Amino acid sequence: MGFISRIFNKYAAKQMQDEDFGLITFKPHKAIRADYFVGCNYFSPLQQDVDFLIYAPKTGISAAQKSFYKEIENAYSAVIEKSLPIVEAALQQNGNTVKIEDFNREFEPYRLTIPDLRDTTNLTWTMEYKTIHDPAHHYHIIFNHHQAVEVNISPSVD
């Protein structure tokens, strides 16, 4: 194996087939000391594929994380319904005076982020959305367990 091949293999993303999440890609991240997997999986409440980022070691996504993902799917509709006031407040802070009529039509999921769950007291997960109300920004709804606690806004980069 040549020098370039060794360097490429050392830093190349590692892909693996997960029985629940399909093809996932491992991404080591030394700067934040948190490795993660990325992929795309069918999200039953929306009846579509959703990109995800799951913080996990190289060995793979844990059974607890898979169970937590199922909890999110089961609670999603109720969780989103309860989060509407905090999302509307974030929209208004950003100069968009709108009333959300149909969240699933007005917001497109961009990425679901699941914590590594080694610390079960920190069950904070995030769902990032694009919205027709503010195409220049993404809205990150941060949940603790199944309660929306914060909405962060970032510039859209896509």
C-alpha atoms as a PDB file:
ATOM      1  CA  MET A   1       0.000   0.000   0.000  1.00  0.00           C
ATOM      2  CA  GLY A   2       1.421   3.391  -1.011  1.00  0.00           C
ATOM      3  CA  PHE A   3       1.861   6.464   1.145  1.00  0.00           C
ATOM      4  CA  ILE A   4      -1.193   8.270  -0.292  1.00  0.00           C
ATOM      5  CA  SER A   5      -3.387   5.172   0.170  1.00  0.00           C
ATOM      6  CA  ARG A   6      -2.300   4.830   3.812  1.00  0.00           C
ATOM      7  CA  ILE A   7      -3.086   8.501   4.497  1.00  0.00           C
ATOM      8  CA  PHE A   8      -6.452   8.252   2.718  1.00  0.00           C
ATOM      9  CA  ASN A   9      -7.430   5.080   4.600  1.00  0.00           C
ATOM     10  CA  LYS A  10      -6.415   6.607   7.915  1.00  0.00           C
ATOM     11  CA  TYR A  11      -8.712   9.615   7.460  1.00  0.00           C
ATOM     12  CA  ALA A  12     -11.450   8.150   5.280  1.00  0.00           C
ATOM     13  CA  ALA A  13     -14.894   7.900   6.763  1.00  0.00           C
ATOM     14  CA  LYS A  14     -15.778   4.378   7.878  1.00  0.00           C
ATOM     15  CA  GLN A  15     -19.085   3.059   6.627  1.00  0.00           C
ATOM     16  CA  MET A  16     -21.013   0.183   8.101  1.00  0.00           C
ATOM     17  CA  GLN A  17     -24.422  -1.399   7.727  1.00  0.00           C
ATOM     18  CA  ASP A  18     -26.589  -1.006  10.818  1.00  0.00           C
ATOM     19  CA  GLU A  19     -29.591  -3.307  11.187  1.00  0.00           C
ATOM     20  CA  ASP A  20     -31.878  -0.411  12.225  1.00  0.00           C
ATOM     21  CA  PHE A  21     -30.364   2.650  10.537  1.00  0.00           C
ATOM     22  CA  GLY A  22     -29.035   1.155   7.303  1.00  0.00           C
ATOM     23  CA  LEU A  23     -25.803   2.484   5.827  1.00  0.00           C
ATOM     24  CA  ILE A  24     -24.141   4.780   8.355  1.00  0.00           C
ATOM     25  CA  THR A  25     -20.867   6.650   8.186  1.00  0.00           C
ATOM     26  CA  PHE A  26     -18.561   7.051  11.180  1.00  0.00           C
ATOM     27  CA  LYS A  27     -16.995  10.477  11.622  1.00  0.00           C
ATOM     28  CA  PRO A  28     -14.267  10.835  14.244  1.00  0.00           C
ATOM     29  CA  HIS A  29     -14.115  14.367  15.614  1.00  0.00           C
ATOM     30  CA  LYS A  30     -11.073  15.067  17.753  1.00  0.00           C
ATOM     31  CA  ALA A  31     -11.722  18.801  18.142  1.00  0.00           C
ATOM     32  CA  ILE A  32     -14.930  18.317  20.125  1.00  0.00           C
ATOM     33  CA  ARG A  33     -13.974  14.876  21.472  1.00  0.00           C
ATOM     34  CA  ALA A  34     -17.241  13.407  20.297  1.00  0.00           C
ATOM     35  CA  ASP A  35     -17.371  10.847  17.515  1.00  0.00           C
ATOM     36  CA  TYR A  36     -20.581  10.391  15.593  1.00  0.00           C
ATOM     37  CA  PHE A  37     -22.404   8.569  12.825  1.00  0.00           C
ATOM     38  CA  VAL A  38     -24.367  10.174  10.018  1.00  0.00           C
ATOM     39  CA  GLY A  39     -26.924   8.671   7.706  1.00  0.00           C
ATOM     40  CA  CYS A  40     -30.496   8.848   6.553  1.00  0.00           C
ATOM     41  CA  ASN A  41     -33.360   6.788   7.961  1.00  0.00           C
ATOM     42  CA  TYR A  42     -37.105   6.453   7.485  1.00  0.00           C
ATOM     43  CA  PHE A  43     -38.895   8.559  10.119  1.00  0.00           C
ATOM     44  CA  SER A  44     -42.368   7.105  10.471  1.00  0.00           C
ATOM     45  CA  PRO A  45     -44.239  10.152  11.869  1.00  0.00           C
ATOM     46  CA  LEU A  46     -43.339  12.130   8.740  1.00  0.00           C
ATOM     47  CA  GLN A  47     -43.412   9.124   6.401  1.00  0.00           C
ATOM     48  CA  GLN A  48     -40.123  10.159   4.830  1.00  0.00           C
ATOM     49  CA  ASP A  49     -36.389   9.756   5.199  1.00  0.00           C
ATOM     50  CA  VAL A  50     -34.650  12.131   7.603  1.00  0.00           C
ATOM     51  CA  ASP A  51     -30.911  12.784   7.883  1.00  0.00           C
ATOM     52  CA  PHE A  52     -29.468  12.044  11.294  1.00  0.00           C
ATOM     53  CA  LEU A  53     -26.359  12.554  13.364  1.00  0.00           C
ATOM     54  CA  ILE A  54     -25.898  10.199  16.309  1.00  0.00           C
ATOM     55  CA  TYR A  55     -23.058  10.699  18.771  1.00  0.00           C
ATOM     56  CA  ALA A  56     -21.535   7.266  19.309  1.00  0.00           C
ATOM     57  CA  PRO A  57     -18.160   5.526  19.513  1.00  0.00           C
ATOM     58  CA  LYS A  58     -16.624   3.707  16.556  1.00  0.00           C
ATOM     59  CA  THR A  59     -18.203   0.438  17.733  1.00  0.00           C
ATOM     60  CA  GLY A  60     -21.618   1.669  16.623  1.00  0.00           C
ATOM     61  CA  ILE A  61     -24.968   2.991  17.709  1.00  0.00           C
ATOM     62  CA  SER A  62     -26.082   1.533  21.055  1.00  0.00           C
ATOM     63  CA  ALA A  63     -29.300  -0.329  21.793  1.00  0.00           C
ATOM     64  CA  ALA A  64     -30.261   2.538  24.125  1.00  0.00           C
ATOM     65  CA  GLN A  65     -29.907   5.028  21.257  1.00  0.00           C
ATOM     66  CA  LYS A  66     -32.005   2.862  18.969  1.00  0.00           C
ATOM     67  CA  SER A  67     -34.671   2.637  21.664  1.00  0.00           C
ATOM     68  CA  PHE A  68     -34.496   6.402  22.194  1.00  0.00           C
ATOM     69  CA  TYR A  69     -34.987   6.935  18.434  1.00  0.00           C
ATOM     70  CA  LYS A  70     -38.156   4.818  18.613  1.00  0.00           C
ATOM     71  CA  GLU A  71     -39.340   6.904  21.604  1.00  0.00           C
ATOM     72  CA  ILE A  72     -38.815  10.058  19.554  1.00  0.00           C
ATOM     73  CA  GLU A  73     -40.811   8.582  16.670  1.00  0.00           C
ATOM     74  CA  ASN A  74     -43.661   7.585  18.998  1.00  0.00           C
ATOM     75  CA  ALA A  75     -43.806  10.934  20.806  1.00  0.00           C
ATOM     76  CA  TYR A  76     -43.002  13.177  17.825  1.00  0.00           C
ATOM     77  CA  SER A  77     -46.479  14.491  16.967  1.00  0.00           C
ATOM     78  CA  ALA A  78     -47.329  15.400  20.561  1.00  0.00           C
ATOM     79  CA  VAL A  79     -43.857  16.863  21.151  1.00  0.00           C
ATOM     80  CA  ILE A  80     -44.106  19.100  18.081  1.00  0.00           C
ATOM     81  CA  GLU A  81     -47.619  20.233  19.004  1.00  0.00           C
ATOM     82  CA  LYS A  82     -46.395  21.280  22.464  1.00  0.00           C
ATOM     83  CA  SER A  83     -43.372  23.070  20.962  1.00  0.00           C
ATOM     84  CA  LEU A  84     -45.340  25.410  18.668  1.00  0.00           C
ATOM     85  CA  PRO A  85     -45.340  28.407  21.071  1.00  0.00           C
ATOM     86  CA  ILE A  86     -41.538  28.335  21.464  1.00  0.00           C
ATOM     87  CA  VAL A  87     -41.048  27.945  17.696  1.00  0.00           C
ATOM     88  CA  GLU A  88     -43.443  30.825  16.941  1.00  0.00           C
ATOM     89  CA  ALA A  89     -41.584  32.974  19.481  1.00  0.00           C
ATOM     90  CA  ALA A  90     -38.288  32.230  17.716  1.00  0.00           C
ATOM     91  CA  LEU A  91     -39.816  33.122  14.353  1.00  0.00           C
ATOM     92  CA  GLN A  92     -41.088  36.392  15.784  1.00  0.00           C
ATOM     93  CA  GLN A  93     -37.697  37.184  17.325  1.00  0.00           C
ATOM     94  CA  ASN A  94     -36.273  36.842  13.845  1.00  0.00           C
ATOM     95  CA  GLY A  95     -38.847  39.259  12.415  1.00  0.00           C
ATOM     96  CA  ASN A  96     -41.396  36.745  11.093  1.00  0.00           C
ATOM     97  CA  THR A  97     -44.842  37.439  12.513  1.00  0.00           C
ATOM     98  CA  VAL A  98     -46.629  34.241  11.546  1.00  0.00           C
ATOM     99  CA  LYS A  99     -48.944  31.755  13.145  1.00  0.00           C
ATOM    100  CA  ILE A 100     -48.033  28.146  12.387  1.00  0.00           C
ATOM    101  CA  GLU A 101     -51.047  26.477  10.809  1.00  0.00           C
ATOM    102  CA  ASP A 102     -49.594  23.133   9.714  1.00  0.00           C
ATOM    103  CA  PHE A 103     -46.121  22.458  11.099  1.00  0.00           C
ATOM    104  CA  ASN A 104     -45.399  19.512   8.794  1.00  0.00           C
ATOM    105  CA  ARG A 105     -46.152  21.578   5.699  1.00  0.00           C
ATOM    106  CA  GLU A 106     -44.396  24.716   6.889  1.00  0.00           C
ATOM    107  CA  PHE A 107     -41.266  23.049   8.289  1.00  0.00           C
ATOM    108  CA  GLU A 108     -39.034  20.546   6.497  1.00  0.00           C
ATOM    109  CA  PRO A 109     -36.792  18.375   8.672  1.00  0.00           C
ATOM    110  CA  TYR A 110     -33.120  18.861   7.951  1.00  0.00           C
ATOM    111  CA  ARG A 111     -31.381  16.758  10.602  1.00  0.00           C
ATOM    112  CA  LEU A 112     -32.169  14.802  13.758  1.00  0.00           C
ATOM    113  CA  THR A 113     -29.359  14.701  16.352  1.00  0.00           C
ATOM    114  CA  ILE A 114     -29.282  12.081  19.101  1.00  0.00           C
ATOM    115  CA  PRO A 115     -26.887  12.226  22.089  1.00  0.00           C
ATOM    116  CA  ASP A 116     -24.577   9.363  22.983  1.00  0.00           C
ATOM    117  CA  LEU A 117     -26.721   8.422  26.049  1.00  0.00           C
ATOM    118  CA  ARG A 118     -23.865   7.259  28.231  1.00  0.00           C
ATOM    119  CA  ASP A 119     -25.165   9.908  30.637  1.00  0.00           C
ATOM    120  CA  THR A 120     -28.869   9.080  30.902  1.00  0.00           C
ATOM    121  CA  THR A 121     -29.586  12.318  32.766  1.00  0.00           C
ATOM    122  CA  ASN A 122     -28.795  14.265  29.582  1.00  0.00           C
ATOM    123  CA  LEU A 123     -31.503  13.205  27.161  1.00  0.00           C
ATOM    124  CA  THR A 124     -31.173  16.314  25.004  1.00  0.00           C
ATOM    125  CA  TRP A 125     -31.850  15.815  21.318  1.00  0.00           C
ATOM    126  CA  THR A 126     -32.270  18.250  18.452  1.00  0.00           C
ATOM    127  CA  MET A 127     -34.362  18.447  15.324  1.00  0.00           C
ATOM    128  CA  GLU A 128     -33.197  20.986  12.756  1.00  0.00           C
ATOM    129  CA  TYR A 129     -35.663  22.392  10.216  1.00  0.00           C
ATOM    130  CA  LYS A 130     -35.898  24.549   7.138  1.00  0.00           C
ATOM    131  CA  THR A 131     -39.050  26.658   7.000  1.00  0.00           C
ATOM    132  CA  ILE A 132     -41.063  28.457   4.337  1.00  0.00           C
ATOM    133  CA  HIS A 133     -41.327  31.382   6.757  1.00  0.00           C
ATOM    134  CA  ASP A 134     -37.578  32.073   6.774  1.00  0.00           C
ATOM    135  CA  PRO A 135     -35.677  30.311   3.959  1.00  0.00           C
ATOM    136  CA  ALA A 136     -32.428  32.056   4.912  1.00  0.00           C
ATOM    137  CA  HIS A 137     -32.234  30.257   8.275  1.00  0.00           C
ATOM    138  CA  HIS A 138     -32.461  26.842   9.914  1.00  0.00           C
ATOM    139  CA  TYR A 139     -34.376  26.428  13.161  1.00  0.00           C
ATOM    140  CA  HIS A 140     -32.922  23.981  15.691  1.00  0.00           C
ATOM    141  CA  ILE A 141     -35.472  22.846  18.251  1.00  0.00           C
ATOM    142  CA  ILE A 142     -33.695  21.503  21.313  1.00  0.00           C
ATOM    143  CA  PHE A 143     -35.619  18.981  23.387  1.00  0.00           C
ATOM    144  CA  ASN A 144     -34.886  17.657  26.847  1.00  0.00           C
ATOM    145  CA  HIS A 145     -36.540  14.267  27.009  1.00  0.00           C
ATOM    146  CA  HIS A 146     -39.682  15.151  25.040  1.00  0.00           C
ATOM    147  CA  GLN A 147     -40.073  18.800  26.009  1.00  0.00           C
ATOM    148  CA  ALA A 148     -38.920  21.656  23.765  1.00  0.00           C
ATOM    149  CA  VAL A 149     -36.596  23.863  25.796  1.00  0.00           C
ATOM    150  CA  GLU A 150     -34.969  26.166  23.252  1.00  0.00           C
ATOM    151  CA  VAL A 151     -34.901  27.156  19.597  1.00  0.00           C
ATOM    152  CA  ASN A 152     -31.628  28.242  18.011  1.00  0.00           C
ATOM    153  CA  ILE A 153     -31.466  29.918  14.623  1.00  0.00           C
ATOM    154  CA  SER A 154     -28.536  29.593  12.223  1.00  0.00           C
ATOM    155  CA  PRO A 155     -27.941  30.784   8.664  1.00  0.00           C
ATOM    156  CA  SER A 156     -28.905  28.285   5.988  1.00  0.00           C
ATOM    157  CA  VAL A 157     -25.832  26.966   4.227  1.00  0.00           C
ATOM    158  CA  ASP A 158     -27.471  24.893   1.527  1.00  0.00           C
END
